[in-house]
């Protein structure tokens, strides 16, 4: 019985790009007033979206680690790690802001 060849992994998943866009929005929210107002009003929704995205990217990365091309493993590991650490930082910043 012939087994199908494993599918080639994309260099970066669309979820990772969404996570990067959410992180970029967080870091640049003070440069554009409507984005800052939206973040301040919908902080919980923003954090939930970023949390789900970070979790999905992390799980996808762990499950498909063997399919990642060896030359891209270091870059993808760094990208996923920075995305997850950024989310944890945002969560901590939101918690400390809520304590005031």
PDB file of N, CA and C in Angstrom:
ATOM      1  N   UNK A   1       0.843  -1.168   0.000  1.00  0.00           N
ATOM      2  CA  UNK A   1       0.000   0.000   0.000  1.00  0.00           C
ATOM      3  C   UNK A   1       0.896   1.243   0.000  1.00  0.00           C
ATOM      4  N   UNK A   2       0.665   2.126  -0.920  1.00  0.00           N
ATOM      5  CA  UNK A   2       1.463   3.340  -1.022  1.00  0.00           C
ATOM      6  C   UNK A   2       0.932   4.409  -0.072  1.00  0.00           C
ATOM      7  N   UNK A   3       1.827   4.940   0.702  1.00  0.00           N
ATOM      8  CA  UNK A   3       1.462   6.024   1.612  1.00  0.00           C
ATOM      9  C   UNK A   3       1.711   7.350   0.906  1.00  0.00           C
ATOM     10  N   UNK A   4       0.809   8.310   1.055  1.00  0.00           N
ATOM     11  CA  UNK A   4       1.045   9.604   0.414  1.00  0.00           C
ATOM     12  C   UNK A   4       2.226  10.321   1.073  1.00  0.00           C
ATOM     13  N   UNK A   5       2.925  11.077   0.275  1.00  0.00           N
ATOM     14  CA  UNK A   5       4.063  11.840   0.793  1.00  0.00           C
ATOM     15  C   UNK A   5       3.545  12.934   1.711  1.00  0.00           C
ATOM     16  N   UNK A   6       4.277  13.217   2.787  1.00  0.00           N
ATOM     17  CA  UNK A   6       3.823  14.281   3.678  1.00  0.00           C
ATOM     18  C   UNK A   6       3.813  15.622   2.957  1.00  0.00           C
ATOM     19  N   UNK A   7       2.823  16.413   3.287  1.00  0.00           N
ATOM     20  CA  UNK A   7       2.684  17.722   2.648  1.00  0.00           C
ATOM     21  C   UNK A   7       3.816  18.638   3.091  1.00  0.00           C
ATOM     22  N   UNK A   8       4.266  19.449   2.176  1.00  0.00           N
ATOM     23  CA  UNK A   8       5.313  20.419   2.503  1.00  0.00           C
ATOM     24  C   UNK A   8       4.710  21.497   3.397  1.00  0.00           C
ATOM     25  N   UNK A   9       5.448  21.859   4.402  1.00  0.00           N
ATOM     26  CA  UNK A   9       5.006  22.906   5.316  1.00  0.00           C
ATOM     27  C   UNK A   9       5.286  24.263   4.691  1.00  0.00           C
ATOM     28  N   UNK A  10       4.347  25.188   4.881  1.00  0.00           N
ATOM     29  CA  UNK A  10       4.578  26.561   4.424  1.00  0.00           C
ATOM     30  C   UNK A  10       5.654  27.173   5.296  1.00  0.00           C
ATOM     31  N   UNK A  11       6.426  28.118   4.765  1.00  0.00           N
ATOM     32  CA  UNK A  11       7.472  28.732   5.592  1.00  0.00           C
ATOM     33  C   UNK A  11       6.904  29.363   6.860  1.00  0.00           C
ATOM     34  N   UNK A  12       5.820  30.114   6.731  1.00  0.00           N
ATOM     35  CA  UNK A  12       5.173  30.718   7.890  1.00  0.00           C
ATOM     36  C   UNK A  12       3.675  30.611   7.695  1.00  0.00           C
ATOM     37  N   UNK A  13       2.966  30.246   8.730  1.00  0.00           N
ATOM     38  CA  UNK A  13       1.533  30.049   8.604  1.00  0.00           C
ATOM     39  C   UNK A  13       0.804  31.388   8.627  1.00  0.00           C
ATOM     40  N   UNK A  14      -0.408  31.428   8.087  1.00  0.00           N
ATOM     41  CA  UNK A  14      -1.203  32.655   8.139  1.00  0.00           C
ATOM     42  C   UNK A  14      -1.497  33.076   9.582  1.00  0.00           C
ATOM     43  N   UNK A  15      -1.622  32.116  10.485  1.00  0.00           N
ATOM     44  CA  UNK A  15      -1.860  32.465  11.887  1.00  0.00           C
ATOM     45  C   UNK A  15      -0.685  33.231  12.484  1.00  0.00           C
ATOM     46  N   UNK A  16       0.523  32.856  12.098  1.00  0.00           N
ATOM     47  CA  UNK A  16       1.699  33.568  12.586  1.00  0.00           C
ATOM     48  C   UNK A  16       1.685  35.005  12.080  1.00  0.00           C
ATOM     49  N   UNK A  17       1.278  35.198  10.845  1.00  0.00           N
ATOM     50  CA  UNK A  17       1.209  36.552  10.302  1.00  0.00           C
ATOM     51  C   UNK A  17       0.122  37.373  11.004  1.00  0.00           C
ATOM     52  N   UNK A  18      -1.008  36.744  11.333  1.00  0.00           N
ATOM     53  CA  UNK A  18      -2.057  37.445  12.090  1.00  0.00           C
ATOM     54  C   UNK A  18      -1.534  37.826  13.463  1.00  0.00           C
ATOM     55  N   UNK A  19      -0.816  36.910  14.101  1.00  0.00           N
ATOM     56  CA  UNK A  19      -0.234  37.217  15.405  1.00  0.00           C
ATOM     57  C   UNK A  19       0.751  38.363  15.334  1.00  0.00           C
ATOM     58  N   UNK A  20       1.559  38.396  14.283  1.00  0.00           N
ATOM     59  CA  UNK A  20       2.512  39.499  14.115  1.00  0.00           C
ATOM     60  C   UNK A  20       1.761  40.808  13.905  1.00  0.00           C
ATOM     61  N   UNK A  21       0.663  40.783  13.154  1.00  0.00           N
ATOM     62  CA  UNK A  21      -0.123  42.002  12.960  1.00  0.00           C
ATOM     63  C   UNK A  21      -0.726  42.484  14.280  1.00  0.00           C
ATOM     64  N   UNK A  22      -1.221  41.555  15.107  1.00  0.00           N
ATOM     65  CA  UNK A  22      -1.761  41.948  16.408  1.00  0.00           C
ATOM     66  C   UNK A  22      -0.675  42.544  17.298  1.00  0.00           C
ATOM     67  N   UNK A  23       0.499  41.945  17.281  1.00  0.00           N
ATOM     68  CA  UNK A  23       1.609  42.471  18.084  1.00  0.00           C
ATOM     69  C   UNK A  23       2.042  43.840  17.570  1.00  0.00           C
ATOM     70  N   UNK A  24       2.098  43.994  16.261  1.00  0.00           N
ATOM     71  CA  UNK A  24       2.469  45.285  15.684  1.00  0.00           C
ATOM     72  C   UNK A  24       1.455  46.351  16.066  1.00  0.00           C
ATOM     73  N   UNK A  25       0.186  45.980  16.071  1.00  0.00           N
ATOM     74  CA  UNK A  25      -0.847  46.918  16.506  1.00  0.00           C
ATOM     75  C   UNK A  25      -0.672  47.325  17.951  1.00  0.00           C
ATOM     76  N   UNK A  26      -0.267  46.376  18.793  1.00  0.00           N
ATOM     77  CA  UNK A  26      -0.053  46.700  20.203  1.00  0.00           C
ATOM     78  C   UNK A  26       1.112  47.675  20.362  1.00  0.00           C
ATOM     79  N   UNK A  27       2.210  47.412  19.677  1.00  0.00           N
ATOM     80  CA  UNK A  27       3.407  48.239  19.852  1.00  0.00           C
ATOM     81  C   UNK A  27       3.285  49.600  19.196  1.00  0.00           C
ATOM     82  N   UNK A  28       2.452  49.721  18.158  1.00  0.00           N
ATOM     83  CA  UNK A  28       2.340  50.994  17.444  1.00  0.00           C
ATOM     84  C   UNK A  28       1.026  51.711  17.721  1.00  0.00           C
ATOM     85  N   UNK A  29       0.287  51.291  18.711  1.00  0.00           N
ATOM     86  CA  UNK A  29      -1.032  51.886  18.954  1.00  0.00           C
ATOM     87  C   UNK A  29      -0.951  53.353  19.337  1.00  0.00           C
ATOM     88  N   UNK A  30       0.173  53.806  19.857  1.00  0.00           N
ATOM     89  CA  UNK A  30       0.288  55.204  20.261  1.00  0.00           C
ATOM     90  C   UNK A  30       0.608  56.117  19.088  1.00  0.00           C
ATOM     91  N   UNK A  31       0.903  55.537  17.931  1.00  0.00           N
ATOM     92  CA  UNK A  31       1.220  56.349  16.760  1.00  0.00           C
ATOM     93  C   UNK A  31      -0.020  56.772  15.988  1.00  0.00           C
ATOM     94  N   UNK A  32      -1.124  56.071  16.216  1.00  0.00           N
ATOM     95  CA  UNK A  32      -2.353  56.371  15.481  1.00  0.00           C
ATOM     96  C   UNK A  32      -3.503  56.372  16.479  1.00  0.00           C
ATOM     97  N   UNK A  33      -4.146  57.514  16.673  1.00  0.00           N
ATOM     98  CA  UNK A  33      -5.144  57.697  17.716  1.00  0.00           C
ATOM     99  C   UNK A  33      -6.326  56.721  17.629  1.00  0.00           C
ATOM    100  N   UNK A  34      -6.917  56.469  16.442  1.00  0.00           N
ATOM    101  CA  UNK A  34      -8.039  55.511  16.414  1.00  0.00           C
ATOM    102  C   UNK A  34      -7.644  54.111  16.885  1.00  0.00           C
ATOM    103  N   UNK A  35      -6.418  53.695  16.582  1.00  0.00           N
ATOM    104  CA  UNK A  35      -5.963  52.385  17.044  1.00  0.00           C
ATOM    105  C   UNK A  35      -5.782  52.382  18.555  1.00  0.00           C
ATOM    106  N   UNK A  36      -5.273  53.471  19.117  1.00  0.00           N
ATOM    107  CA  UNK A  36      -5.107  53.558  20.566  1.00  0.00           C
ATOM    108  C   UNK A  36      -6.454  53.531  21.274  1.00  0.00           C
ATOM    109  N   UNK A  37      -7.437  54.242  20.729  1.00  0.00           N
ATOM    110  CA  UNK A  37      -8.778  54.240  21.328  1.00  0.00           C
ATOM    111  C   UNK A  37      -9.415  52.858  21.239  1.00  0.00           C
ATOM    112  N   UNK A  38      -9.250  52.203  20.099  1.00  0.00           N
ATOM    113  CA  UNK A  38      -9.813  50.854  19.939  1.00  0.00           C
ATOM    114  C   UNK A  38      -9.148  49.888  20.902  1.00  0.00           C
ATOM    115  N   UNK A  39      -7.831  49.991  21.078  1.00  0.00           N
ATOM    116  CA  UNK A  39      -7.148  49.091  22.008  1.00  0.00           C
ATOM    117  C   UNK A  39      -7.605  49.341  23.429  1.00  0.00           C
ATOM    118  N   UNK A  40      -7.720  50.614  23.818  1.00  0.00           N
ATOM    119  CA  UNK A  40      -8.143  50.923  25.186  1.00  0.00           C
ATOM    120  C   UNK A  40      -9.572  50.451  25.449  1.00  0.00           C
ATOM    121  N   UNK A  41     -10.424  50.545  24.454  1.00  0.00           N
ATOM    122  CA  UNK A  41     -11.822  50.153  24.633  1.00  0.00           C
ATOM    123  C   UNK A  41     -11.985  48.630  24.608  1.00  0.00           C
ATOM    124  N   UNK A  42     -11.221  47.951  23.785  1.00  0.00           N
ATOM    125  CA  UNK A  42     -11.392  46.508  23.578  1.00  0.00           C
ATOM    126  C   UNK A  42     -10.147  45.721  23.972  1.00  0.00           C
ATOM    127  N   UNK A  43      -9.556  46.056  25.093  1.00  0.00           N
ATOM    128  CA  UNK A  43      -8.331  45.388  25.525  1.00  0.00           C
ATOM    129  C   UNK A  43      -8.555  43.887  25.724  1.00  0.00           C
ATOM    130  N   UNK A  44      -9.670  43.525  26.345  1.00  0.00           N
ATOM    131  CA  UNK A  44      -9.932  42.103  26.603  1.00  0.00           C
ATOM    132  C   UNK A  44     -10.083  41.323  25.300  1.00  0.00           C
ATOM    133  N   UNK A  45     -10.786  41.895  24.340  1.00  0.00           N
ATOM    134  CA  UNK A  45     -10.976  41.216  23.056  1.00  0.00           C
ATOM    135  C   UNK A  45      -9.642  41.090  22.324  1.00  0.00           C
ATOM    136  N   UNK A  46      -8.844  42.157  22.381  1.00  0.00           N
ATOM    137  CA  UNK A  46      -7.527  42.147  21.735  1.00  0.00           C
ATOM    138  C   UNK A  46      -6.655  41.049  22.348  1.00  0.00           C
ATOM    139  N   UNK A  47      -6.654  40.968  23.681  1.00  0.00           N
ATOM    140  CA  UNK A  47      -5.842  39.952  24.358  1.00  0.00           C
ATOM    141  C   UNK A  47      -6.347  38.540  24.069  1.00  0.00           C
ATOM    142  N   UNK A  48      -7.664  38.361  24.001  1.00  0.00           N
ATOM    143  CA  UNK A  48      -8.200  37.045  23.652  1.00  0.00           C
ATOM    144  C   UNK A  48      -7.791  36.637  22.237  1.00  0.00           C
ATOM    145  N   UNK A  49      -7.906  37.558  21.299  1.00  0.00           N
ATOM    146  CA  UNK A  49      -7.513  37.252  19.920  1.00  0.00           C
ATOM    147  C   UNK A  49      -6.028  36.925  19.850  1.00  0.00           C
ATOM    148  N   UNK A  50      -5.225  37.703  20.546  1.00  0.00           N
ATOM    149  CA  UNK A  50      -3.785  37.458  20.534  1.00  0.00           C
ATOM    150  C   UNK A  50      -3.445  36.146  21.248  1.00  0.00           C
ATOM    151  N   UNK A  51      -4.154  35.853  22.327  1.00  0.00           N
ATOM    152  CA  UNK A  51      -3.915  34.606  23.055  1.00  0.00           C
ATOM    153  C   UNK A  51      -4.279  33.384  22.238  1.00  0.00           C
ATOM    154  N   UNK A  52      -5.450  33.408  21.592  1.00  0.00           N
ATOM    155  CA  UNK A  52      -5.840  32.279  20.749  1.00  0.00           C
ATOM    156  C   UNK A  52      -4.874  32.103  19.581  1.00  0.00           C
ATOM    157  N   UNK A  53      -4.463  33.213  18.992  1.00  0.00           N
ATOM    158  CA  UNK A  53      -3.524  33.134  17.879  1.00  0.00           C
ATOM    159  C   UNK A  53      -2.187  32.558  18.336  1.00  0.00           C
ATOM    160  N   UNK A  54      -1.678  33.037  19.475  1.00  0.00           N
ATOM    161  CA  UNK A  54      -0.403  32.541  19.983  1.00  0.00           C
ATOM    162  C   UNK A  54      -0.476  31.053  20.310  1.00  0.00           C
ATOM    163  N   UNK A  55      -1.564  30.642  20.941  1.00  0.00           N
ATOM    164  CA  UNK A  55      -1.736  29.235  21.282  1.00  0.00           C
ATOM    165  C   UNK A  55      -1.831  28.369  20.028  1.00  0.00           C
ATOM    166  N   UNK A  56      -2.597  28.826  19.044  1.00  0.00           N
ATOM    167  CA  UNK A  56      -2.746  28.045  17.813  1.00  0.00           C
ATOM    168  C   UNK A  56      -1.425  27.934  17.065  1.00  0.00           C
ATOM    169  N   UNK A  57      -0.675  29.027  17.011  1.00  0.00           N
ATOM    170  CA  UNK A  57       0.622  28.997  16.326  1.00  0.00           C
ATOM    171  C   UNK A  57       1.585  28.064  17.056  1.00  0.00           C
ATOM    172  N   UNK A  58       1.588  28.123  18.378  1.00  0.00           N
ATOM    173  CA  UNK A  58       2.480  27.258  19.152  1.00  0.00           C
ATOM    174  C   UNK A  58       2.136  25.782  18.951  1.00  0.00           C
ATOM    175  N   UNK A  59       0.849  25.452  19.026  1.00  0.00           N
ATOM    176  CA  UNK A  59       0.437  24.051  18.854  1.00  0.00           C
ATOM    177  C   UNK A  59       0.742  23.578  17.438  1.00  0.00           C
ATOM    178  N   UNK A  60       0.460  24.423  16.444  1.00  0.00           N
ATOM    179  CA  UNK A  60       0.759  24.047  15.062  1.00  0.00           C
ATOM    180  C   UNK A  60       2.261  23.825  14.880  1.00  0.00           C
ATOM    181  N   UNK A  61       3.059  24.675  15.503  1.00  0.00           N
ATOM    182  CA  UNK A  61       4.515  24.553  15.380  1.00  0.00           C
ATOM    183  C   UNK A  61       5.009  23.258  16.020  1.00  0.00           C
ATOM    184  N   UNK A  62       4.489  22.916  17.190  1.00  0.00           N
ATOM    185  CA  UNK A  62       4.924  21.699  17.874  1.00  0.00           C
ATOM    186  C   UNK A  62       4.498  20.456  17.094  1.00  0.00           C
ATOM    187  N   UNK A  63       3.265  20.455  16.607  1.00  0.00           N
ATOM    188  CA  UNK A  63       2.753  19.288  15.889  1.00  0.00           C
ATOM    189  C   UNK A  63       3.486  19.085  14.568  1.00  0.00           C
ATOM    190  N   UNK A  64       3.801  20.169  13.871  1.00  0.00           N
ATOM    191  CA  UNK A  64       4.420  20.057  12.548  1.00  0.00           C
ATOM    192  C   UNK A  64       5.916  20.334  12.562  1.00  0.00           C
ATOM    193  N   UNK A  65       6.568  20.200  13.696  1.00  0.00           N
ATOM    194  CA  UNK A  65       7.986  20.541  13.779  1.00  0.00           C
ATOM    195  C   UNK A  65       8.836  19.707  12.839  1.00  0.00           C
ATOM    196  N   UNK A  66       8.502  18.430  12.684  1.00  0.00           N
ATOM    197  CA  UNK A  66       9.299  17.554  11.807  1.00  0.00           C
ATOM    198  C   UNK A  66       9.149  17.916  10.338  1.00  0.00           C
ATOM    199  N   UNK A  67       8.072  18.609   9.973  1.00  0.00           N
ATOM    200  CA  UNK A  67       7.851  18.980   8.583  1.00  0.00           C
ATOM    201  C   UNK A  67       8.516  20.303   8.211  1.00  0.00           C
ATOM    202  N   UNK A  68       9.007  21.039   9.191  1.00  0.00           N
ATOM    203  CA  UNK A  68       9.656  22.317   8.918  1.00  0.00           C
ATOM    204  C   UNK A  68      11.020  22.050   8.301  1.00  0.00           C
ATOM    205  N   UNK A  69      11.315  22.784   7.257  1.00  0.00           N
ATOM    206  CA  UNK A  69      12.618  22.616   6.620  1.00  0.00           C
ATOM    207  C   UNK A  69      13.716  22.960   7.615  1.00  0.00           C
ATOM    208  N   UNK A  70      14.784  22.159   7.636  1.00  0.00           N
ATOM    209  CA  UNK A  70      15.852  22.400   8.621  1.00  0.00           C
ATOM    210  C   UNK A  70      16.452  23.809   8.547  1.00  0.00           C
ATOM    211  N   UNK A  71      16.515  24.397   7.356  1.00  0.00           N
ATOM    212  CA  UNK A  71      17.113  25.728   7.262  1.00  0.00           C
ATOM    213  C   UNK A  71      16.198  26.817   7.826  1.00  0.00           C
ATOM    214  N   UNK A  72      14.908  26.517   7.994  1.00  0.00           N
ATOM    215  CA  UNK A  72      13.965  27.499   8.528  1.00  0.00           C
ATOM    216  C   UNK A  72      13.629  27.266   9.997  1.00  0.00           C
ATOM    217  N   UNK A  73      14.131  26.195  10.576  1.00  0.00           N
ATOM    218  CA  UNK A  73      13.748  25.857  11.954  1.00  0.00           C
ATOM    219  C   UNK A  73      14.133  26.938  12.954  1.00  0.00           C
ATOM    220  N   UNK A  74      15.327  27.465  12.840  1.00  0.00           N
ATOM    221  CA  UNK A  74      15.769  28.487  13.798  1.00  0.00           C
ATOM    222  C   UNK A  74      14.914  29.749  13.679  1.00  0.00           C
ATOM    223  N   UNK A  75      14.644  30.185  12.456  1.00  0.00           N
ATOM    224  CA  UNK A  75      13.837  31.392  12.261  1.00  0.00           C
ATOM    225  C   UNK A  75      12.408  31.184  12.742  1.00  0.00           C
ATOM    226  N   UNK A  76      11.837  30.031  12.448  1.00  0.00           N
ATOM    227  CA  UNK A  76      10.455  29.769  12.857  1.00  0.00           C
ATOM    228  C   UNK A  76      10.359  29.600  14.373  1.00  0.00           C
ATOM    229  N   UNK A  77      11.361  28.964  14.971  1.00  0.00           N
ATOM    230  CA  UNK A  77      11.379  28.828  16.429  1.00  0.00           C
ATOM    231  C   UNK A  77      11.465  30.200  17.093  1.00  0.00           C
ATOM    232  N   UNK A  78      12.318  31.071  16.568  1.00  0.00           N
ATOM    233  CA  UNK A  78      12.437  32.418  17.123  1.00  0.00           C
ATOM    234  C   UNK A  78      11.147  33.210  16.944  1.00  0.00           C
ATOM    235  N   UNK A  79      10.509  33.088  15.788  1.00  0.00           N
ATOM    236  CA  UNK A  79       9.271  33.826  15.536  1.00  0.00           C
ATOM    237  C   UNK A  79       8.154  33.373  16.478  1.00  0.00           C
ATOM    238  N   UNK A  80       8.001  32.074  16.639  1.00  0.00           N
ATOM    239  CA  UNK A  80       6.951  31.555  17.531  1.00  0.00           C
ATOM    240  C   UNK A  80       7.266  31.926  18.982  1.00  0.00           C
ATOM    241  N   UNK A  81       8.523  31.827  19.371  1.00  0.00           N
ATOM    242  CA  UNK A  81       8.911  32.197  20.738  1.00  0.00           C
ATOM    243  C   UNK A  81       8.670  33.665  21.032  1.00  0.00           C
ATOM    244  N   UNK A  82       9.024  34.531  20.101  1.00  0.00           N
ATOM    245  CA  UNK A  82       8.787  35.970  20.298  1.00  0.00           C
ATOM    246  C   UNK A  82       7.299  36.291  20.329  1.00  0.00           C
ATOM    247  N   UNK A  83       6.523  35.601  19.512  1.00  0.00           N
ATOM    248  CA  UNK A  83       5.075  35.826  19.514  1.00  0.00           C
ATOM    249  C   UNK A  83       4.475  35.439  20.860  1.00  0.00           C
ATOM    250  N   UNK A  84       4.854  34.288  21.389  1.00  0.00           N
ATOM    251  CA  UNK A  84       4.314  33.832  22.674  1.00  0.00           C
ATOM    252  C   UNK A  84       4.805  34.708  23.831  1.00  0.00           C
ATOM    253  N   UNK A  85       6.070  35.095  23.803  1.00  0.00           N
ATOM    254  CA  UNK A  85       6.591  35.983  24.856  1.00  0.00           C
ATOM    255  C   UNK A  85       5.941  37.354  24.793  1.00  0.00           C
ATOM    256  N   UNK A  86       5.702  37.847  23.593  1.00  0.00           N
ATOM    257  CA  UNK A  86       5.017  39.133  23.448  1.00  0.00           C
ATOM    258  C   UNK A  86       3.617  39.087  24.011  1.00  0.00           C
ATOM    259  N   UNK A  87       2.910  37.974  23.769  1.00  0.00           N
ATOM    260  CA  UNK A  87       1.569  37.843  24.333  1.00  0.00           C
ATOM    261  C   UNK A  87       1.621  37.826  25.858  1.00  0.00           C
ATOM    262  N   UNK A  88       2.563  37.089  26.424  1.00  0.00           N
ATOM    263  CA  UNK A  88       2.672  37.053  27.885  1.00  0.00           C
ATOM    264  C   UNK A  88       2.999  38.434  28.450  1.00  0.00           C
ATOM    265  N   UNK A  89       3.828  39.202  27.748  1.00  0.00           N
ATOM    266  CA  UNK A  89       4.123  40.563  28.172  1.00  0.00           C
ATOM    267  C   UNK A  89       2.868  41.433  28.131  1.00  0.00           C
ATOM    268  N   UNK A  90       2.084  41.320  27.071  1.00  0.00           N
ATOM    269  CA  UNK A  90       0.850  42.102  26.969  1.00  0.00           C
ATOM    270  C   UNK A  90      -0.130  41.720  28.070  1.00  0.00           C
ATOM    271  N   UNK A  91      -0.199  40.446  28.375  1.00  0.00           N
ATOM    272  CA  UNK A  91      -1.074  39.979  29.444  1.00  0.00           C
ATOM    273  C   UNK A  91      -0.641  40.555  30.789  1.00  0.00           C
ATOM    274  N   UNK A  92       0.658  40.549  31.050  1.00  0.00           N
ATOM    275  CA  UNK A  92       1.177  41.132  32.286  1.00  0.00           C
ATOM    276  C   UNK A  92       0.923  42.635  32.334  1.00  0.00           C
ATOM    277  N   UNK A  93       1.143  43.323  31.221  1.00  0.00           N
ATOM    278  CA  UNK A  93       0.922  44.778  31.190  1.00  0.00           C
ATOM    279  C   UNK A  93      -0.562  45.092  31.410  1.00  0.00           C
ATOM    280  N   UNK A  94      -1.453  44.332  30.828  1.00  0.00           N
ATOM    281  CA  UNK A  94      -2.887  44.553  31.032  1.00  0.00           C
ATOM    282  C   UNK A  94      -3.281  44.276  32.478  1.00  0.00           C
ATOM    283  N   UNK A  95      -2.710  43.243  33.068  1.00  0.00           N
ATOM    284  CA  UNK A  95      -3.003  42.929  34.470  1.00  0.00           C
ATOM    285  C   UNK A  95      -2.525  44.045  35.387  1.00  0.00           C
ATOM    286  N   UNK A  96      -1.312  44.523  35.170  1.00  0.00           N
ATOM    287  CA  UNK A  96      -0.789  45.610  36.014  1.00  0.00           C
ATOM    288  C   UNK A  96      -1.564  46.901  35.798  1.00  0.00           C
ATOM    289  N   UNK A  97      -2.029  47.139  34.577  1.00  0.00           N
ATOM    290  CA  UNK A  97      -2.834  48.328  34.297  1.00  0.00           C
ATOM    291  C   UNK A  97      -4.185  48.232  34.997  1.00  0.00           C
ATOM    292  N   UNK A  98      -4.742  47.027  35.057  1.00  0.00           N
ATOM    293  CA  UNK A  98      -6.044  46.835  35.702  1.00  0.00           C
ATOM    294  C   UNK A  98      -5.943  46.962  37.220  1.00  0.00           C
ATOM    295  N   UNK A  99      -4.755  46.790  37.779  1.00  0.00           N
ATOM    296  CA  UNK A  99      -4.583  46.859  39.223  1.00  0.00           C
ATOM    297  C   UNK A  99      -4.563  48.308  39.731  1.00  0.00           C
ATOM    298  N   UNK A 100      -4.430  49.276  38.851  1.00  0.00           N
ATOM    299  CA  UNK A 100      -4.351  50.677  39.283  1.00  0.00           C
ATOM    300  C   UNK A 100      -5.685  51.190  39.738  1.00  0.00           C
TER     301      UNK A 100
END
